Amino acid sequence: MLSVRTLSLAAAFLVAGLLAGCGSTLPSLSPMATASVSTDSNNLGAYPTTGSETSEGMPTPFGDSSATAVSGRQVIENPTIADIMAPSPLPEMSWGQPNAPVTIVQYMSLTCPHCRNFHLTVYPEFKRRFIDTGRVRYVLREFPIGKSSGNATIALRCAPPDKYLELYGKFMEQQASWVSQEVRLDAIYAVAKQVGMTRPQFDACLQNQDMIQKLKWVKDRGRKLGIIGTPNFFIGTKLVKKELTIAEIADYVEQANQQRSTPTAAASP
């Protein structure tokens, strides 16, 4: 029989792991807390690397942010579409018409509970109303916070491109099964194998330093654009640092369309 103290400690570790997934100032784990603002604390070493599933030679991606942190003076003020959509060393993961009038870019961390809530409760209607109808091009960009998120993100990028969104959804749906204070590679692989990834492929993927460096570039670029945590969104050039409702998406898309139709107004003094 587990003691109350043991259960309390286990719950505390799970809460800590989920909090780290969105940033240090996340106020609530409630899936209904859609107005929260999550920040990246730059403490990406929050997860210990001890345990049976790690080894001396295992890389620890995103375990030390000191080399990749971006100071305030390096942030691009009022980034343009060209800034936001600048070429990346990794293929852009996007859905919808390439020439859609509005592009929405979401920065996400796989351990973030608010990213999970958005994907499970808002994304289906967002896809039906905006992506499938050609109104919006939707882009997912990685902003891993913590080592568990980093390892899962590398696995996500190693999946075939046509399996990316499927695996992303599985990581979100099954978040409670693999997110913890320790990095649990077996639990992460248990999700990745559901889209056909073998264990040798998974293990080789985690050792792919080229992939790790490219993912760090994507995150560092996000910081330069003003991203501070997850989920953060660009709707056109507007940066929104919180989880969005479908009504808010509709409003922001309308604003972006109006801005496109009156470009001279935005340039007026």
C-alpha atoms as a PDB file:
ATOM      1  CA  MET A   1       0.000   0.000   0.000  1.00  0.00           C
ATOM      2  CA  LEU A   2       1.437   3.395  -1.010  1.00  0.00           C
ATOM      3  CA  SER A   3       1.579   5.959   1.766  1.00  0.00           C
ATOM      4  CA  VAL A   4      -0.085   9.351   1.437  1.00  0.00           C
ATOM      5  CA  ARG A   5       3.392  10.916   1.516  1.00  0.00           C
ATOM      6  CA  THR A   6       4.533   8.754  -1.418  1.00  0.00           C
ATOM      7  CA  LEU A   7       1.476   9.653  -3.469  1.00  0.00           C
ATOM      8  CA  SER A   8       1.913  13.340  -2.657  1.00  0.00           C
ATOM      9  CA  LEU A   9       5.539  13.293  -3.765  1.00  0.00           C
ATOM     10  CA  ALA A  10       4.631  11.527  -7.002  1.00  0.00           C
ATOM     11  CA  ALA A  11       1.951  14.100  -7.728  1.00  0.00           C
ATOM     12  CA  ALA A  12       4.374  16.920  -6.992  1.00  0.00           C
ATOM     13  CA  PHE A  13       6.922  15.543  -9.464  1.00  0.00           C
ATOM     14  CA  LEU A  14       4.272  15.249 -12.194  1.00  0.00           C
ATOM     15  CA  VAL A  15       3.116  18.817 -11.602  1.00  0.00           C
ATOM     16  CA  ALA A  16       6.713  20.056 -11.740  1.00  0.00           C
ATOM     17  CA  GLY A  17       7.288  18.248 -15.022  1.00  0.00           C
ATOM     18  CA  LEU A  18       4.196  19.698 -16.639  1.00  0.00           C
ATOM     19  CA  LEU A  19       4.970  23.186 -15.370  1.00  0.00           C
ATOM     20  CA  ALA A  20       8.410  23.017 -16.931  1.00  0.00           C
ATOM     21  CA  GLY A  21       6.820  22.190 -20.265  1.00  0.00           C
ATOM     22  CA  CYS A  22       5.294  25.647 -20.637  1.00  0.00           C
ATOM     23  CA  GLY A  23       7.612  27.758 -18.523  1.00  0.00           C
ATOM     24  CA  SER A  24       8.157  28.766 -14.950  1.00  0.00           C
ATOM     25  CA  THR A  25       5.213  31.116 -14.511  1.00  0.00           C
ATOM     26  CA  LEU A  26       2.357  28.880 -15.599  1.00  0.00           C
ATOM     27  CA  PRO A  27      -0.430  29.652 -13.120  1.00  0.00           C
ATOM     28  CA  SER A  28      -2.591  26.565 -13.497  1.00  0.00           C
ATOM     29  CA  LEU A  29      -2.632  23.046 -14.852  1.00  0.00           C
ATOM     30  CA  SER A  30      -6.365  23.146 -15.443  1.00  0.00           C
ATOM     31  CA  PRO A  31      -7.153  22.301 -19.089  1.00  0.00           C
ATOM     32  CA  MET A  32      -9.730  25.075 -19.049  1.00  0.00           C
ATOM     33  CA  ALA A  33      -7.180  27.772 -18.163  1.00  0.00           C
ATOM     34  CA  THR A  34      -7.058  29.026 -21.738  1.00  0.00           C
ATOM     35  CA  ALA A  35      -6.070  32.587 -20.875  1.00  0.00           C
ATOM     36  CA  SER A  36      -2.764  31.682 -19.252  1.00  0.00           C
ATOM     37  CA  VAL A  37       0.519  33.195 -20.342  1.00  0.00           C
ATOM     38  CA  SER A  38       3.469  30.805 -20.102  1.00  0.00           C
ATOM     39  CA  THR A  39       7.091  31.894 -20.152  1.00  0.00           C
ATOM     40  CA  ASP A  40      10.381  30.241 -20.945  1.00  0.00           C
ATOM     41  CA  SER A  41      12.433  30.561 -17.775  1.00  0.00           C
ATOM     42  CA  ASN A  42      15.671  29.726 -19.623  1.00  0.00           C
ATOM     43  CA  ASN A  43      16.119  26.932 -17.083  1.00  0.00           C
ATOM     44  CA  LEU A  44      16.158  24.048 -19.511  1.00  0.00           C
ATOM     45  CA  GLY A  45      18.081  21.839 -17.099  1.00  0.00           C
ATOM     46  CA  ALA A  46      15.070  21.273 -14.871  1.00  0.00           C
ATOM     47  CA  TYR A  47      15.004  17.525 -15.427  1.00  0.00           C
ATOM     48  CA  PRO A  48      17.644  15.258 -13.828  1.00  0.00           C
ATOM     49  CA  THR A  49      19.327  12.740 -16.115  1.00  0.00           C
ATOM     50  CA  THR A  50      19.582   9.931 -13.589  1.00  0.00           C
ATOM     51  CA  GLY A  51      17.700   6.678 -14.010  1.00  0.00           C
ATOM     52  CA  SER A  52      17.883   3.391 -15.873  1.00  0.00           C
ATOM     53  CA  GLU A  53      16.979   4.916 -19.240  1.00  0.00           C
ATOM     54  CA  THR A  54      19.923   7.310 -19.463  1.00  0.00           C
ATOM     55  CA  SER A  55      23.613   6.613 -19.808  1.00  0.00           C
ATOM     56  CA  GLU A  56      26.930   8.399 -19.534  1.00  0.00           C
ATOM     57  CA  GLY A  57      27.163   8.903 -23.283  1.00  0.00           C
ATOM     58  CA  MET A  58      23.547   9.903 -23.892  1.00  0.00           C
ATOM     59  CA  PRO A  59      23.183  13.468 -25.200  1.00  0.00           C
ATOM     60  CA  THR A  60      21.135  15.888 -23.113  1.00  0.00           C
ATOM     61  CA  PRO A  61      19.508  18.198 -25.673  1.00  0.00           C
ATOM     62  CA  PHE A  62      18.236  21.535 -24.390  1.00  0.00           C
ATOM     63  CA  GLY A  63      19.725  20.780 -20.980  1.00  0.00           C
ATOM     64  CA  ASP A  64      21.730  24.015 -20.813  1.00  0.00           C
ATOM     65  CA  SER A  65      20.334  27.244 -22.184  1.00  0.00           C
ATOM     66  CA  SER A  66      23.279  29.434 -21.274  1.00  0.00           C
ATOM     67  CA  ALA A  67      24.924  29.014 -24.671  1.00  0.00           C
ATOM     68  CA  THR A  68      21.753  29.696 -26.621  1.00  0.00           C
ATOM     69  CA  ALA A  69      19.934  32.331 -24.575  1.00  0.00           C
ATOM     70  CA  VAL A  70      19.148  35.525 -26.460  1.00  0.00           C
ATOM     71  CA  SER A  71      19.548  38.819 -24.655  1.00  0.00           C
ATOM     72  CA  GLY A  72      16.834  41.459 -24.815  1.00  0.00           C
ATOM     73  CA  ARG A  73      18.798  43.676 -27.179  1.00  0.00           C
ATOM     74  CA  GLN A  74      18.900  40.872 -29.753  1.00  0.00           C
ATOM     75  CA  VAL A  75      15.124  40.528 -30.009  1.00  0.00           C
ATOM     76  CA  ILE A  76      13.737  41.779 -33.324  1.00  0.00           C
ATOM     77  CA  GLU A  77      11.303  44.592 -32.600  1.00  0.00           C
ATOM     78  CA  ASN A  78       8.066  44.428 -34.624  1.00  0.00           C
ATOM     79  CA  PRO A  79       9.151  41.531 -36.854  1.00  0.00           C
ATOM     80  CA  THR A  80       7.886  41.530 -40.419  1.00  0.00           C
ATOM     81  CA  ILE A  81       6.455  38.583 -42.323  1.00  0.00           C
ATOM     82  CA  ALA A  82       9.896  38.200 -43.908  1.00  0.00           C
ATOM     83  CA  ASP A  83      11.457  37.989 -40.433  1.00  0.00           C
ATOM     84  CA  ILE A  84       8.900  35.485 -39.167  1.00  0.00           C
ATOM     85  CA  MET A  85       9.047  33.282 -42.257  1.00  0.00           C
ATOM     86  CA  ALA A  86      12.831  33.448 -42.768  1.00  0.00           C
ATOM     87  CA  PRO A  87      14.278  30.157 -44.091  1.00  0.00           C
ATOM     88  CA  SER A  88      15.001  27.524 -41.446  1.00  0.00           C
ATOM     89  CA  PRO A  89      17.594  24.722 -41.499  1.00  0.00           C
ATOM     90  CA  LEU A  90      14.676  22.316 -40.966  1.00  0.00           C
ATOM     91  CA  PRO A  91      11.704  21.870 -43.314  1.00  0.00           C
ATOM     92  CA  GLU A  92       8.743  23.968 -42.211  1.00  0.00           C
ATOM     93  CA  MET A  93       5.918  21.765 -40.929  1.00  0.00           C
ATOM     94  CA  SER A  94       2.765  23.371 -42.280  1.00  0.00           C
ATOM     95  CA  TRP A  95      -0.795  22.511 -43.299  1.00  0.00           C
ATOM     96  CA  GLY A  96      -3.252  24.323 -45.529  1.00  0.00           C
ATOM     97  CA  GLN A  97      -2.866  26.257 -48.756  1.00  0.00           C
ATOM     98  CA  PRO A  98       0.637  27.739 -49.182  1.00  0.00           C
ATOM     99  CA  ASN A  99      -0.955  30.908 -50.578  1.00  0.00           C
ATOM    100  CA  ALA A 100      -3.610  31.238 -47.855  1.00  0.00           C
ATOM    101  CA  PRO A 101      -4.283  34.897 -47.001  1.00  0.00           C
ATOM    102  CA  VAL A 102      -3.196  34.455 -43.356  1.00  0.00           C
ATOM    103  CA  THR A 103      -0.430  32.345 -41.841  1.00  0.00           C
ATOM    104  CA  ILE A 104      -0.611  31.290 -38.190  1.00  0.00           C
ATOM    105  CA  VAL A 105       2.635  30.070 -36.638  1.00  0.00           C
ATOM    106  CA  GLN A 106       2.410  28.211 -33.332  1.00  0.00           C
ATOM    107  CA  TYR A 107       5.460  27.676 -31.137  1.00  0.00           C
ATOM    108  CA  MET A 108       4.955  24.588 -28.995  1.00  0.00           C
ATOM    109  CA  SER A 109       6.614  22.366 -26.410  1.00  0.00           C
ATOM    110  CA  LEU A 110       5.536  18.727 -26.241  1.00  0.00           C
ATOM    111  CA  THR A 111       5.430  18.807 -22.429  1.00  0.00           C
ATOM    112  CA  CYS A 112       3.214  21.905 -22.269  1.00  0.00           C
ATOM    113  CA  PRO A 113      -0.310  21.199 -20.918  1.00  0.00           C
ATOM    114  CA  HIS A 114      -1.756  24.296 -22.589  1.00  0.00           C
ATOM    115  CA  CYS A 115      -0.387  23.159 -25.957  1.00  0.00           C
ATOM    116  CA  ARG A 116      -2.096  19.834 -25.284  1.00  0.00           C
ATOM    117  CA  ASN A 117      -5.377  21.517 -24.430  1.00  0.00           C
ATOM    118  CA  PHE A 118      -5.241  23.669 -27.571  1.00  0.00           C
ATOM    119  CA  HIS A 119      -4.543  20.655 -29.777  1.00  0.00           C
ATOM    120  CA  LEU A 120      -7.300  18.516 -28.268  1.00  0.00           C
ATOM    121  CA  THR A 121     -10.047  21.096 -27.790  1.00  0.00           C
ATOM    122  CA  VAL A 122      -9.436  23.949 -30.259  1.00  0.00           C
ATOM    123  CA  TYR A 123      -7.422  22.522 -33.146  1.00  0.00           C
ATOM    124  CA  PRO A 124     -10.187  20.245 -34.585  1.00  0.00           C
ATOM    125  CA  GLU A 125     -12.549  23.193 -35.132  1.00  0.00           C
ATOM    126  CA  PHE A 126      -9.660  25.456 -36.158  1.00  0.00           C
ATOM    127  CA  LYS A 127      -8.700  22.916 -38.826  1.00  0.00           C
ATOM    128  CA  ARG A 128     -12.265  22.550 -40.074  1.00  0.00           C
ATOM    129  CA  ARG A 129     -13.071  26.269 -40.210  1.00  0.00           C
ATOM    130  CA  PHE A 130      -9.771  27.813 -41.212  1.00  0.00           C
ATOM    131  CA  ILE A 131      -7.216  25.323 -42.558  1.00  0.00           C
ATOM    132  CA  ASP A 132      -9.450  23.051 -44.637  1.00  0.00           C
ATOM    133  CA  THR A 133     -11.270  26.043 -46.137  1.00  0.00           C
ATOM    134  CA  GLY A 134      -8.072  27.719 -47.348  1.00  0.00           C
ATOM    135  CA  ARG A 135      -8.389  30.695 -45.011  1.00  0.00           C
ATOM    136  CA  VAL A 136      -5.252  29.947 -42.982  1.00  0.00           C
ATOM    137  CA  ARG A 137      -1.909  28.264 -43.447  1.00  0.00           C
ATOM    138  CA  TYR A 138      -0.922  26.663 -40.123  1.00  0.00           C
ATOM    139  CA  VAL A 139       2.730  26.225 -39.141  1.00  0.00           C
ATOM    140  CA  LEU A 140       4.009  24.291 -36.115  1.00  0.00           C
ATOM    141  CA  ARG A 141       7.435  25.224 -34.766  1.00  0.00           C
ATOM    142  CA  GLU A 142       9.335  23.521 -31.996  1.00  0.00           C
ATOM    143  CA  PHE A 143      10.250  25.383 -28.800  1.00  0.00           C
ATOM    144  CA  PRO A 144      11.251  22.538 -26.461  1.00  0.00           C
ATOM    145  CA  ILE A 145      11.496  23.435 -22.777  1.00  0.00           C
ATOM    146  CA  GLY A 146      13.386  20.857 -20.714  1.00  0.00           C
ATOM    147  CA  LYS A 147      15.164  17.636 -21.541  1.00  0.00           C
ATOM    148  CA  SER A 148      12.055  15.450 -21.801  1.00  0.00           C
ATOM    149  CA  SER A 149      10.546  17.856 -24.303  1.00  0.00           C
ATOM    150  CA  GLY A 150      13.881  18.023 -26.130  1.00  0.00           C
ATOM    151  CA  ASN A 151      14.199  14.257 -26.520  1.00  0.00           C
ATOM    152  CA  ALA A 152      10.581  13.871 -27.621  1.00  0.00           C
ATOM    153  CA  THR A 153      10.989  16.725 -30.106  1.00  0.00           C
ATOM    154  CA  ILE A 154      14.015  15.076 -31.703  1.00  0.00           C
ATOM    155  CA  ALA A 155      11.976  11.882 -32.095  1.00  0.00           C
ATOM    156  CA  LEU A 156       9.132  13.916 -33.592  1.00  0.00           C
ATOM    157  CA  ARG A 157      11.463  15.384 -36.208  1.00  0.00           C
ATOM    158  CA  CYS A 158      12.855  11.939 -37.037  1.00  0.00           C
ATOM    159  CA  ALA A 159       9.400  10.664 -37.992  1.00  0.00           C
ATOM    160  CA  PRO A 160       8.508  10.773 -41.711  1.00  0.00           C
ATOM    161  CA  PRO A 161       7.042  14.193 -42.606  1.00  0.00           C
ATOM    162  CA  ASP A 162       3.646  12.648 -43.340  1.00  0.00           C
ATOM    163  CA  LYS A 163       3.624  11.200 -39.802  1.00  0.00           C
ATOM    164  CA  TYR A 164       4.671  14.414 -38.036  1.00  0.00           C
ATOM    165  CA  LEU A 165       1.201  15.691 -37.145  1.00  0.00           C
ATOM    166  CA  GLU A 166       0.028  12.200 -36.190  1.00  0.00           C
ATOM    167  CA  LEU A 167       2.952  11.726 -33.799  1.00  0.00           C
ATOM    168  CA  TYR A 168       2.541  15.255 -32.470  1.00  0.00           C
ATOM    169  CA  GLY A 169      -1.063  14.423 -31.631  1.00  0.00           C
ATOM    170  CA  LYS A 170      -0.062  11.193 -29.904  1.00  0.00           C
ATOM    171  CA  PHE A 171       2.538  12.968 -27.769  1.00  0.00           C
ATOM    172  CA  MET A 172      -0.152  15.446 -26.754  1.00  0.00           C
ATOM    173  CA  GLU A 173      -2.904  12.902 -26.153  1.00  0.00           C
ATOM    174  CA  GLN A 174      -0.610  10.646 -24.114  1.00  0.00           C
ATOM    175  CA  GLN A 175       1.321  13.408 -22.359  1.00  0.00           C
ATOM    176  CA  ALA A 176       0.669  12.016 -18.880  1.00  0.00           C
ATOM    177  CA  SER A 177       2.210   8.662 -19.845  1.00  0.00           C
ATOM    178  CA  TRP A 178       5.680   9.999 -20.659  1.00  0.00           C
ATOM    179  CA  VAL A 179       6.149  13.404 -18.995  1.00  0.00           C
ATOM    180  CA  SER A 180       7.881  13.213 -15.626  1.00  0.00           C
ATOM    181  CA  GLN A 181      10.644  14.832 -13.613  1.00  0.00           C
ATOM    182  CA  GLU A 182      13.076  12.246 -14.977  1.00  0.00           C
ATOM    183  CA  VAL A 183      13.774  11.757 -18.663  1.00  0.00           C
ATOM    184  CA  ARG A 184      12.057   8.451 -19.458  1.00  0.00           C
ATOM    185  CA  LEU A 185      13.269   7.377 -22.880  1.00  0.00           C
ATOM    186  CA  ASP A 186      11.328   4.103 -22.829  1.00  0.00           C
ATOM    187  CA  ALA A 187       8.098   6.036 -22.258  1.00  0.00           C
ATOM    188  CA  ILE A 188       8.920   8.485 -25.058  1.00  0.00           C
ATOM    189  CA  TYR A 189       9.705   5.607 -27.402  1.00  0.00           C
ATOM    190  CA  ALA A 190       6.422   3.907 -26.462  1.00  0.00           C
ATOM    191  CA  VAL A 191       4.681   6.848 -28.132  1.00  0.00           C
ATOM    192  CA  ALA A 192       7.055   7.144 -31.100  1.00  0.00           C
ATOM    193  CA  LYS A 193       6.729   3.481 -32.040  1.00  0.00           C
ATOM    194  CA  GLN A 194       2.996   3.978 -32.619  1.00  0.00           C
ATOM    195  CA  VAL A 195       3.811   5.615 -35.965  1.00  0.00           C
ATOM    196  CA  GLY A 196       6.220   2.845 -36.997  1.00  0.00           C
ATOM    197  CA  MET A 197       9.530   4.046 -35.530  1.00  0.00           C
ATOM    198  CA  THR A 198      11.831   1.190 -34.474  1.00  0.00           C
ATOM    199  CA  ARG A 199      13.967   1.303 -31.342  1.00  0.00           C
ATOM    200  CA  PRO A 200      17.244   1.394 -33.322  1.00  0.00           C
ATOM    201  CA  GLN A 201      15.860   4.332 -35.330  1.00  0.00           C
ATOM    202  CA  PHE A 202      14.792   6.069 -32.116  1.00  0.00           C
ATOM    203  CA  ASP A 203      18.159   5.554 -30.407  1.00  0.00           C
ATOM    204  CA  ALA A 204      20.070   6.737 -33.479  1.00  0.00           C
ATOM    205  CA  CYS A 205      17.797   9.751 -33.708  1.00  0.00           C
ATOM    206  CA  LEU A 206      18.647  10.889 -30.179  1.00  0.00           C
ATOM    207  CA  GLN A 207      22.341  10.826 -31.113  1.00  0.00           C
ATOM    208  CA  ASN A 208      21.796  12.968 -34.225  1.00  0.00           C
ATOM    209  CA  GLN A 209      23.794  16.067 -33.345  1.00  0.00           C
ATOM    210  CA  ASP A 210      22.965  17.729 -36.658  1.00  0.00           C
ATOM    211  CA  MET A 211      19.257  17.467 -35.849  1.00  0.00           C
ATOM    212  CA  ILE A 212      19.835  18.771 -32.320  1.00  0.00           C
ATOM    213  CA  GLN A 213      21.731  21.814 -33.574  1.00  0.00           C
ATOM    214  CA  LYS A 214      19.034  22.595 -36.136  1.00  0.00           C
ATOM    215  CA  LEU A 215      16.312  22.355 -33.485  1.00  0.00           C
ATOM    216  CA  LYS A 216      18.315  24.686 -31.266  1.00  0.00           C
ATOM    217  CA  TRP A 217      18.486  27.111 -34.202  1.00  0.00           C
ATOM    218  CA  VAL A 218      14.687  27.028 -34.524  1.00  0.00           C
ATOM    219  CA  LYS A 219      14.277  27.747 -30.812  1.00  0.00           C
ATOM    220  CA  ASP A 220      16.903  30.493 -30.788  1.00  0.00           C
ATOM    221  CA  ARG A 221      15.251  32.097 -33.811  1.00  0.00           C
ATOM    222  CA  GLY A 222      11.951  31.997 -31.937  1.00  0.00           C
ATOM    223  CA  ARG A 223      13.519  33.843 -29.021  1.00  0.00           C
ATOM    224  CA  LYS A 224      14.845  36.501 -31.389  1.00  0.00           C
ATOM    225  CA  LEU A 225      11.297  36.947 -32.681  1.00  0.00           C
ATOM    226  CA  GLY A 226      10.055  37.511 -29.126  1.00  0.00           C
ATOM    227  CA  ILE A 227       8.830  34.022 -28.224  1.00  0.00           C
ATOM    228  CA  ILE A 228       9.037  33.550 -24.455  1.00  0.00           C
ATOM    229  CA  GLY A 229       7.164  30.289 -23.882  1.00  0.00           C
ATOM    230  CA  THR A 230       4.443  28.021 -25.172  1.00  0.00           C
ATOM    231  CA  PRO A 231       2.026  28.221 -26.717  1.00  0.00           C
ATOM    232  CA  ASN A 232       2.930  31.482 -28.450  1.00  0.00           C
ATOM    233  CA  PHE A 233       1.377  32.364 -31.806  1.00  0.00           C
ATOM    234  CA  PHE A 234       2.061  34.665 -34.716  1.00  0.00           C
ATOM    235  CA  ILE A 235      -1.140  35.545 -36.586  1.00  0.00           C
ATOM    236  CA  GLY A 236       0.315  37.383 -39.530  1.00  0.00           C
ATOM    237  CA  THR A 237       2.754  39.684 -37.736  1.00  0.00           C
ATOM    238  CA  LYS A 238       0.848  39.858 -34.443  1.00  0.00           C
ATOM    239  CA  LEU A 239       2.460  37.930 -31.576  1.00  0.00           C
ATOM    240  CA  VAL A 240       0.038  36.462 -29.028  1.00  0.00           C
ATOM    241  CA  LYS A 241       1.636  34.949 -25.929  1.00  0.00           C
ATOM    242  CA  LYS A 242      -1.136  32.698 -24.649  1.00  0.00           C
ATOM    243  CA  GLU A 243      -3.401  29.802 -25.551  1.00  0.00           C
ATOM    244  CA  LEU A 244      -6.092  30.874 -28.014  1.00  0.00           C
ATOM    245  CA  THR A 245      -9.791  30.108 -28.185  1.00  0.00           C
ATOM    246  CA  ILE A 246     -11.530  29.576 -31.510  1.00  0.00           C
ATOM    247  CA  ALA A 247     -13.309  32.933 -31.090  1.00  0.00           C
ATOM    248  CA  GLU A 248      -9.987  34.703 -30.571  1.00  0.00           C
ATOM    249  CA  ILE A 249      -8.529  33.008 -33.639  1.00  0.00           C
ATOM    250  CA  ALA A 250     -11.482  34.221 -35.707  1.00  0.00           C
ATOM    251  CA  ASP A 251     -10.995  37.786 -34.446  1.00  0.00           C
ATOM    252  CA  TYR A 252      -7.243  37.779 -35.096  1.00  0.00           C
ATOM    253  CA  VAL A 253      -7.683  36.315 -38.585  1.00  0.00           C
ATOM    254  CA  GLU A 254     -10.202  39.037 -39.397  1.00  0.00           C
ATOM    255  CA  GLN A 255      -7.780  41.692 -38.131  1.00  0.00           C
ATOM    256  CA  ALA A 256      -4.972  40.204 -40.236  1.00  0.00           C
ATOM    257  CA  ASN A 257      -7.188  40.226 -43.322  1.00  0.00           C
ATOM    258  CA  GLN A 258      -8.126  43.860 -42.721  1.00  0.00           C
ATOM    259  CA  GLN A 259      -4.457  44.774 -42.323  1.00  0.00           C
ATOM    260  CA  ARG A 260      -3.642  43.043 -45.611  1.00  0.00           C
ATOM    261  CA  SER A 261      -6.414  44.900 -47.426  1.00  0.00           C
ATOM    262  CA  THR A 262      -5.192  48.301 -46.173  1.00  0.00           C
ATOM    263  CA  PRO A 263      -1.385  48.045 -46.186  1.00  0.00           C
ATOM    264  CA  THR A 264      -0.901  51.805 -46.474  1.00  0.00           C
ATOM    265  CA  ALA A 265      -2.777  52.349 -43.221  1.00  0.00           C
ATOM    266  CA  ALA A 266      -0.198  50.345 -41.315  1.00  0.00           C
ATOM    267  CA  ALA A 267       2.581  52.465 -42.836  1.00  0.00           C
ATOM    268  CA  SER A 268       0.925  55.803 -42.050  1.00  0.00           C
ATOM    269  CA  PRO A 269       2.499  57.898 -39.267  1.00  0.00           C
END
